């Protein structure tokens, strides 16, 4: 009987053996400073790690003998997570998203295409621009180049073309790569954190309740001919 929900894949850190879970009798040890300490029995390596109040982490289990590192396991997991994050960034940089244009594209539709391209570039993805000519549109290729140039101008703060637009077959092709993060403009479609989270007013919750209490106050009716006024009585 199949499971109703797929099981979660265990994290890579759960397969890493440390200290007494290491099965080899002898291991090649790397010190805290990254220096080679040579091959030694497993118990001696564990005692060496305990003297420094850290762990013995197996980093190359398939080596003969296995390679272990004297390091704090929490720090080791943090470094591995950081490396995985950097590798994912490079994977995004190799991802290519295609945006299709036409010589008679509407200005609103062109703006939508520009917004999609900005989203892709801000996620470190490349954008492939493809403009197709149909029928007699091939007689006016200059119109298509003008559309592509407008598209490039709109993306100047987010990416740069790898090469000049060129006519290939019955279309114009172009590849745009994202700018470095420190030189790239912020995505205008993502709200800023300062706008999303307004600072709490001074005075705590009591100050925040004052406007609400003011709204709950009843509005007194205006004086009419039937309602007595507060003017002082007139002496006869």
C-alpha atoms as a PDB file:
ATOM      1  CA  UNK A   1       0.000   0.000   0.000  1.00  0.00           C
ATOM      2  CA  UNK A   2       1.484   3.315  -1.056  1.00  0.00           C
ATOM      3  CA  UNK A   3       1.879   6.190   1.356  1.00  0.00           C
ATOM      4  CA  UNK A   4      -0.594   9.078   0.985  1.00  0.00           C
ATOM      5  CA  UNK A   5       2.185  11.648   1.232  1.00  0.00           C
ATOM      6  CA  UNK A   6       5.792  11.412  -0.015  1.00  0.00           C
ATOM      7  CA  UNK A   7       8.357  11.060   2.727  1.00  0.00           C
ATOM      8  CA  UNK A   8      10.715  13.927   3.328  1.00  0.00           C
ATOM      9  CA  UNK A   9      14.212  13.431   2.001  1.00  0.00           C
ATOM     10  CA  UNK A  10      16.723  13.474   4.857  1.00  0.00           C
ATOM     11  CA  UNK A  11      19.205  16.312   4.964  1.00  0.00           C
ATOM     12  CA  UNK A  12      22.800  15.649   3.825  1.00  0.00           C
ATOM     13  CA  UNK A  13      24.029  16.412   7.349  1.00  0.00           C
ATOM     14  CA  UNK A  14      22.186  13.336   8.684  1.00  0.00           C
ATOM     15  CA  UNK A  15      24.547  11.065   6.685  1.00  0.00           C
ATOM     16  CA  UNK A  16      27.689  12.589   8.192  1.00  0.00           C
ATOM     17  CA  UNK A  17      29.287  10.418  10.872  1.00  0.00           C
ATOM     18  CA  UNK A  18      30.911  12.059  13.866  1.00  0.00           C
ATOM     19  CA  UNK A  19      32.881  10.841  16.871  1.00  0.00           C
ATOM     20  CA  UNK A  20      31.811   7.328  17.952  1.00  0.00           C
ATOM     21  CA  UNK A  21      29.600   6.805  14.877  1.00  0.00           C
ATOM     22  CA  UNK A  22      32.666   6.577  12.651  1.00  0.00           C
ATOM     23  CA  UNK A  23      33.213   2.909  11.730  1.00  0.00           C
ATOM     24  CA  UNK A  24      36.826   2.890  10.530  1.00  0.00           C
ATOM     25  CA  UNK A  25      39.604   1.726  12.835  1.00  0.00           C
ATOM     26  CA  UNK A  26      42.123   4.227  11.469  1.00  0.00           C
ATOM     27  CA  UNK A  27      41.467   7.660  10.021  1.00  0.00           C
ATOM     28  CA  UNK A  28      43.446  10.429   8.378  1.00  0.00           C
ATOM     29  CA  UNK A  29      43.013  13.512  10.551  1.00  0.00           C
ATOM     30  CA  UNK A  30      42.942  17.181   9.575  1.00  0.00           C
ATOM     31  CA  UNK A  31      43.487  19.565  12.475  1.00  0.00           C
ATOM     32  CA  UNK A  32      41.493  22.622  13.476  1.00  0.00           C
ATOM     33  CA  UNK A  33      43.864  24.920  11.590  1.00  0.00           C
ATOM     34  CA  UNK A  34      43.599  22.762   8.460  1.00  0.00           C
ATOM     35  CA  UNK A  35      46.979  21.104   8.949  1.00  0.00           C
ATOM     36  CA  UNK A  36      47.535  17.415   8.215  1.00  0.00           C
ATOM     37  CA  UNK A  37      47.987  15.334  11.376  1.00  0.00           C
ATOM     38  CA  UNK A  38      48.478  12.016   9.577  1.00  0.00           C
ATOM     39  CA  UNK A  39      46.882   8.601  10.078  1.00  0.00           C
ATOM     40  CA  UNK A  40      46.029   7.533  13.619  1.00  0.00           C
ATOM     41  CA  UNK A  41      43.672   5.132  15.415  1.00  0.00           C
ATOM     42  CA  UNK A  42      40.081   6.273  15.730  1.00  0.00           C
ATOM     43  CA  UNK A  43      40.168   6.450  19.533  1.00  0.00           C
ATOM     44  CA  UNK A  44      43.238   8.676  19.474  1.00  0.00           C
ATOM     45  CA  UNK A  45      41.568  10.989  16.946  1.00  0.00           C
ATOM     46  CA  UNK A  46      38.408  11.231  19.080  1.00  0.00           C
ATOM     47  CA  UNK A  47      40.465  12.003  22.198  1.00  0.00           C
ATOM     48  CA  UNK A  48      42.336  14.681  20.241  1.00  0.00           C
ATOM     49  CA  UNK A  49      39.039  16.325  19.292  1.00  0.00           C
ATOM     50  CA  UNK A  50      37.756  16.144  22.861  1.00  0.00           C
ATOM     51  CA  UNK A  51      40.858  17.887  24.159  1.00  0.00           C
ATOM     52  CA  UNK A  52      39.922  20.872  21.981  1.00  0.00           C
ATOM     53  CA  UNK A  53      36.220  20.641  22.982  1.00  0.00           C
ATOM     54  CA  UNK A  54      35.161  19.972  19.369  1.00  0.00           C
ATOM     55  CA  UNK A  55      34.062  16.975  17.269  1.00  0.00           C
ATOM     56  CA  UNK A  56      35.686  14.536  14.902  1.00  0.00           C
ATOM     57  CA  UNK A  57      33.737  14.784  11.633  1.00  0.00           C
ATOM     58  CA  UNK A  58      34.106  12.298   8.773  1.00  0.00           C
ATOM     59  CA  UNK A  59      34.360  14.332   5.564  1.00  0.00           C
ATOM     60  CA  UNK A  60      35.587  11.692   3.072  1.00  0.00           C
ATOM     61  CA  UNK A  61      34.173   8.270   4.036  1.00  0.00           C
ATOM     62  CA  UNK A  62      35.131   6.611   0.732  1.00  0.00           C
ATOM     63  CA  UNK A  63      38.836   7.407   1.085  1.00  0.00           C
ATOM     64  CA  UNK A  64      41.282   4.775   2.336  1.00  0.00           C
ATOM     65  CA  UNK A  65      41.629   5.442   5.204  1.00  0.00           C
ATOM     66  CA  UNK A  66      38.642   7.789   5.683  1.00  0.00           C
ATOM     67  CA  UNK A  67      39.462  11.471   6.133  1.00  0.00           C
ATOM     68  CA  UNK A  68      38.192  13.174   9.292  1.00  0.00           C
ATOM     69  CA  UNK A  69      38.374  16.768  10.400  1.00  0.00           C
ATOM     70  CA  UNK A  70      38.681  18.147  13.911  1.00  0.00           C
ATOM     71  CA  UNK A  71      36.008  20.854  13.958  1.00  0.00           C
ATOM     72  CA  UNK A  72      32.866  21.919  15.760  1.00  0.00           C
ATOM     73  CA  UNK A  73      29.991  20.063  14.101  1.00  0.00           C
ATOM     74  CA  UNK A  74      27.665  23.080  14.254  1.00  0.00           C
ATOM     75  CA  UNK A  75      30.246  25.226  12.492  1.00  0.00           C
ATOM     76  CA  UNK A  76      30.805  22.474   9.941  1.00  0.00           C
ATOM     77  CA  UNK A  77      27.081  22.297   9.112  1.00  0.00           C
ATOM     78  CA  UNK A  78      26.942  26.090   8.742  1.00  0.00           C
ATOM     79  CA  UNK A  79      29.851  26.039   6.292  1.00  0.00           C
ATOM     80  CA  UNK A  80      28.219  23.251   4.271  1.00  0.00           C
ATOM     81  CA  UNK A  81      24.925  25.136   4.091  1.00  0.00           C
ATOM     82  CA  UNK A  82      26.762  28.243   2.912  1.00  0.00           C
ATOM     83  CA  UNK A  83      28.529  26.263   0.179  1.00  0.00           C
ATOM     84  CA  UNK A  84      25.239  24.733  -0.959  1.00  0.00           C
ATOM     85  CA  UNK A  85      23.685  28.199  -1.172  1.00  0.00           C
ATOM     86  CA  UNK A  86      26.562  29.480  -3.300  1.00  0.00           C
ATOM     87  CA  UNK A  87      26.298  26.481  -5.621  1.00  0.00           C
ATOM     88  CA  UNK A  88      22.574  27.148  -6.094  1.00  0.00           C
ATOM     89  CA  UNK A  89      23.393  30.714  -7.126  1.00  0.00           C
ATOM     90  CA  UNK A  90      25.640  29.396  -9.886  1.00  0.00           C
ATOM     91  CA  UNK A  91      22.878  27.032 -10.988  1.00  0.00           C
ATOM     92  CA  UNK A  92      20.489  29.998 -11.316  1.00  0.00           C
ATOM     93  CA  UNK A  93      23.113  31.848 -13.373  1.00  0.00           C
ATOM     94  CA  UNK A  94      23.141  28.968 -15.869  1.00  0.00           C
ATOM     95  CA  UNK A  95      19.325  28.954 -16.128  1.00  0.00           C
ATOM     96  CA  UNK A  96      17.931  30.637 -19.254  1.00  0.00           C
ATOM     97  CA  UNK A  97      14.389  32.023 -19.507  1.00  0.00           C
ATOM     98  CA  UNK A  98      12.929  32.986 -22.879  1.00  0.00           C
ATOM     99  CA  UNK A  99      10.838  36.090 -23.562  1.00  0.00           C
ATOM    100  CA  UNK A 100       9.052  36.283 -26.922  1.00  0.00           C
ATOM    101  CA  UNK A 101       8.300  39.583 -28.631  1.00  0.00           C
ATOM    102  CA  UNK A 102       6.666  40.662 -31.867  1.00  0.00           C
ATOM    103  CA  UNK A 103       7.151  43.717 -34.099  1.00  0.00           C
ATOM    104  CA  UNK A 104       3.570  44.899 -33.448  1.00  0.00           C
ATOM    105  CA  UNK A 105       3.543  44.310 -29.712  1.00  0.00           C
ATOM    106  CA  UNK A 106       1.280  46.551 -27.656  1.00  0.00           C
ATOM    107  CA  UNK A 107       3.060  48.972 -25.245  1.00  0.00           C
ATOM    108  CA  UNK A 108       1.215  47.436 -22.282  1.00  0.00           C
ATOM    109  CA  UNK A 109       2.233  43.926 -23.341  1.00  0.00           C
ATOM    110  CA  UNK A 110       5.806  45.121 -23.754  1.00  0.00           C
ATOM    111  CA  UNK A 111       5.740  46.436 -20.188  1.00  0.00           C
ATOM    112  CA  UNK A 112       4.513  43.053 -18.942  1.00  0.00           C
ATOM    113  CA  UNK A 113       7.347  41.318 -20.782  1.00  0.00           C
ATOM    114  CA  UNK A 114       9.832  43.771 -19.265  1.00  0.00           C
ATOM    115  CA  UNK A 115       8.484  42.989 -15.785  1.00  0.00           C
ATOM    116  CA  UNK A 116       8.947  39.257 -16.315  1.00  0.00           C
ATOM    117  CA  UNK A 117      12.491  39.805 -17.571  1.00  0.00           C
ATOM    118  CA  UNK A 118      13.328  41.941 -14.513  1.00  0.00           C
ATOM    119  CA  UNK A 119      12.093  39.162 -12.230  1.00  0.00           C
ATOM    120  CA  UNK A 120      14.296  36.624 -14.015  1.00  0.00           C
ATOM    121  CA  UNK A 121      17.385  38.855 -13.928  1.00  0.00           C
ATOM    122  CA  UNK A 122      16.904  39.630 -10.223  1.00  0.00           C
ATOM    123  CA  UNK A 123      16.946  35.870  -9.605  1.00  0.00           C
ATOM    124  CA  UNK A 124      20.332  35.589 -11.379  1.00  0.00           C
ATOM    125  CA  UNK A 125      18.871  34.009 -14.511  1.00  0.00           C
ATOM    126  CA  UNK A 126      19.712  34.807 -18.103  1.00  0.00           C
ATOM    127  CA  UNK A 127      17.001  36.070 -20.459  1.00  0.00           C
ATOM    128  CA  UNK A 128      16.820  35.007 -24.088  1.00  0.00           C
ATOM    129  CA  UNK A 129      14.883  37.472 -26.229  1.00  0.00           C
ATOM    130  CA  UNK A 130      13.235  36.078 -29.371  1.00  0.00           C
ATOM    131  CA  UNK A 131      11.333  38.325 -31.776  1.00  0.00           C
ATOM    132  CA  UNK A 132       9.493  36.541 -34.611  1.00  0.00           C
ATOM    133  CA  UNK A 133       8.575  37.997 -38.029  1.00  0.00           C
ATOM    134  CA  UNK A 134       5.484  36.695 -39.769  1.00  0.00           C
ATOM    135  CA  UNK A 135       4.597  37.009 -43.444  1.00  0.00           C
ATOM    136  CA  UNK A 136       5.336  40.448 -44.861  1.00  0.00           C
ATOM    137  CA  UNK A 137       6.830  41.675 -41.573  1.00  0.00           C
ATOM    138  CA  UNK A 138      10.195  40.523 -42.916  1.00  0.00           C
ATOM    139  CA  UNK A 139      10.132  43.558 -45.203  1.00  0.00           C
ATOM    140  CA  UNK A 140      10.287  45.844 -42.154  1.00  0.00           C
ATOM    141  CA  UNK A 141      12.915  44.294 -39.908  1.00  0.00           C
ATOM    142  CA  UNK A 142      13.892  47.771 -38.706  1.00  0.00           C
ATOM    143  CA  UNK A 143      10.624  47.887 -36.714  1.00  0.00           C
ATOM    144  CA  UNK A 144      11.610  44.698 -34.914  1.00  0.00           C
ATOM    145  CA  UNK A 145      15.063  46.059 -34.060  1.00  0.00           C
ATOM    146  CA  UNK A 146      13.458  49.188 -32.597  1.00  0.00           C
ATOM    147  CA  UNK A 147      11.297  47.026 -30.310  1.00  0.00           C
ATOM    148  CA  UNK A 148      14.339  45.068 -29.147  1.00  0.00           C
ATOM    149  CA  UNK A 149      16.282  48.277 -28.483  1.00  0.00           C
ATOM    150  CA  UNK A 150      13.414  49.603 -26.310  1.00  0.00           C
ATOM    151  CA  UNK A 151      13.447  46.301 -24.442  1.00  0.00           C
ATOM    152  CA  UNK A 152      17.193  46.612 -23.775  1.00  0.00           C
ATOM    153  CA  UNK A 153      16.854  50.206 -22.544  1.00  0.00           C
ATOM    154  CA  UNK A 154      14.189  49.161 -20.005  1.00  0.00           C
ATOM    155  CA  UNK A 155      16.580  46.527 -18.571  1.00  0.00           C
ATOM    156  CA  UNK A 156      19.715  48.670 -18.339  1.00  0.00           C
ATOM    157  CA  UNK A 157      19.729  48.680 -14.524  1.00  0.00           C
ATOM    158  CA  UNK A 158      19.245  44.915 -14.266  1.00  0.00           C
ATOM    159  CA  UNK A 159      21.193  43.241 -17.079  1.00  0.00           C
ATOM    160  CA  UNK A 160      23.397  43.752 -20.104  1.00  0.00           C
ATOM    161  CA  UNK A 161      23.266  42.112 -23.561  1.00  0.00           C
ATOM    162  CA  UNK A 162      25.939  39.519 -24.262  1.00  0.00           C
ATOM    163  CA  UNK A 163      25.997  40.548 -27.921  1.00  0.00           C
ATOM    164  CA  UNK A 164      24.244  42.955 -30.235  1.00  0.00           C
ATOM    165  CA  UNK A 165      20.804  41.930 -31.536  1.00  0.00           C
ATOM    166  CA  UNK A 166      21.172  39.944 -34.727  1.00  0.00           C
ATOM    167  CA  UNK A 167      18.805  38.654 -37.377  1.00  0.00           C
ATOM    168  CA  UNK A 168      18.688  34.863 -37.473  1.00  0.00           C
ATOM    169  CA  UNK A 169      16.316  33.328 -39.997  1.00  0.00           C
ATOM    170  CA  UNK A 170      12.914  34.960 -39.564  1.00  0.00           C
ATOM    171  CA  UNK A 171      13.591  36.471 -36.172  1.00  0.00           C
ATOM    172  CA  UNK A 172      15.895  38.520 -33.967  1.00  0.00           C
ATOM    173  CA  UNK A 173      17.740  36.823 -31.129  1.00  0.00           C
ATOM    174  CA  UNK A 174      19.436  38.334 -28.098  1.00  0.00           C
ATOM    175  CA  UNK A 175      20.846  37.098 -24.779  1.00  0.00           C
ATOM    176  CA  UNK A 176      20.812  39.280 -21.653  1.00  0.00           C
ATOM    177  CA  UNK A 177      22.869  38.403 -18.561  1.00  0.00           C
ATOM    178  CA  UNK A 178      22.165  39.746 -15.057  1.00  0.00           C
ATOM    179  CA  UNK A 179      24.371  42.444 -13.592  1.00  0.00           C
ATOM    180  CA  UNK A 180      26.301  41.743 -10.360  1.00  0.00           C
ATOM    181  CA  UNK A 181      24.210  42.145  -7.224  1.00  0.00           C
ATOM    182  CA  UNK A 182      26.171  45.191  -6.035  1.00  0.00           C
ATOM    183  CA  UNK A 183      25.557  46.969  -9.363  1.00  0.00           C
ATOM    184  CA  UNK A 184      22.010  45.770  -9.994  1.00  0.00           C
ATOM    185  CA  UNK A 185      18.963  47.923  -9.272  1.00  0.00           C
ATOM    186  CA  UNK A 186      16.328  46.693  -6.844  1.00  0.00           C
ATOM    187  CA  UNK A 187      13.337  44.901  -8.244  1.00  0.00           C
ATOM    188  CA  UNK A 188      10.513  47.496  -8.276  1.00  0.00           C
ATOM    189  CA  UNK A 189       7.911  44.715  -8.061  1.00  0.00           C
ATOM    190  CA  UNK A 190       9.146  43.582  -4.644  1.00  0.00           C
ATOM    191  CA  UNK A 191       7.873  45.692  -1.717  1.00  0.00           C
ATOM    192  CA  UNK A 192      10.473  47.141   0.607  1.00  0.00           C
ATOM    193  CA  UNK A 193      10.613  45.893   4.186  1.00  0.00           C
ATOM    194  CA  UNK A 194      10.299  49.419   5.566  1.00  0.00           C
ATOM    195  CA  UNK A 195       6.939  49.824   3.828  1.00  0.00           C
ATOM    196  CA  UNK A 196       5.680  46.406   4.862  1.00  0.00           C
ATOM    197  CA  UNK A 197       6.529  46.801   8.541  1.00  0.00           C
ATOM    198  CA  UNK A 198       5.724  50.209  10.018  1.00  0.00           C
ATOM    199  CA  UNK A 199       7.442  51.097  13.296  1.00  0.00           C
ATOM    200  CA  UNK A 200       5.300  50.842  16.402  1.00  0.00           C
ATOM    201  CA  UNK A 201       4.304  54.226  17.891  1.00  0.00           C
ATOM    202  CA  UNK A 202       5.998  55.420  21.054  1.00  0.00           C
ATOM    203  CA  UNK A 203       4.208  54.667  24.248  1.00  0.00           C
ATOM    204  CA  UNK A 204       3.451  50.995  23.667  1.00  0.00           C
ATOM    205  CA  UNK A 205      -0.017  49.557  23.194  1.00  0.00           C
ATOM    206  CA  UNK A 206      -1.735  52.433  25.050  1.00  0.00           C
ATOM    207  CA  UNK A 207      -0.636  54.926  22.405  1.00  0.00           C
ATOM    208  CA  UNK A 208      -1.791  52.591  19.652  1.00  0.00           C
ATOM    209  CA  UNK A 209      -5.243  52.299  21.204  1.00  0.00           C
ATOM    210  CA  UNK A 210      -5.866  56.043  21.366  1.00  0.00           C
ATOM    211  CA  UNK A 211      -6.910  56.501  17.706  1.00  0.00           C
ATOM    212  CA  UNK A 212      -9.272  53.528  17.994  1.00  0.00           C
ATOM    213  CA  UNK A 213     -10.808  54.917  21.168  1.00  0.00           C
ATOM    214  CA  UNK A 214     -11.287  58.290  19.493  1.00  0.00           C
ATOM    215  CA  UNK A 215     -13.196  56.618  16.664  1.00  0.00           C
ATOM    216  CA  UNK A 216     -15.472  54.818  19.115  1.00  0.00           C
ATOM    217  CA  UNK A 217     -16.612  58.072  20.783  1.00  0.00           C
ATOM    218  CA  UNK A 218     -20.180  58.940  20.015  1.00  0.00           C
ATOM    219  CA  UNK A 219     -20.799  62.049  17.980  1.00  0.00           C
ATOM    220  CA  UNK A 220     -23.122  64.429  19.809  1.00  0.00           C
ATOM    221  CA  UNK A 221     -26.144  65.626  17.787  1.00  0.00           C
ATOM    222  CA  UNK A 222     -26.231  69.202  16.621  1.00  0.00           C
ATOM    223  CA  UNK A 223     -28.608  71.492  18.526  1.00  0.00           C
ATOM    224  CA  UNK A 224     -31.993  72.010  16.873  1.00  0.00           C
ATOM    225  CA  UNK A 225     -35.051  74.040  17.655  1.00  0.00           C
ATOM    226  CA  UNK A 226     -36.385  71.219  19.876  1.00  0.00           C
ATOM    227  CA  UNK A 227     -33.079  70.695  21.694  1.00  0.00           C
ATOM    228  CA  UNK A 228     -32.329  73.182  24.487  1.00  0.00           C
ATOM    229  CA  UNK A 229     -29.135  75.129  24.049  1.00  0.00           C
ATOM    230  CA  UNK A 230     -26.491  75.817  26.650  1.00  0.00           C
ATOM    231  CA  UNK A 231     -26.909  79.613  26.485  1.00  0.00           C
ATOM    232  CA  UNK A 232     -27.484  81.353  29.838  1.00  0.00           C
ATOM    233  CA  UNK A 233     -31.066  82.263  30.722  1.00  0.00           C
ATOM    234  CA  UNK A 234     -32.262  85.826  30.020  1.00  0.00           C
ATOM    235  CA  UNK A 235     -33.387  87.771  33.083  1.00  0.00           C
ATOM    236  CA  UNK A 236     -36.860  89.304  32.706  1.00  0.00           C
END
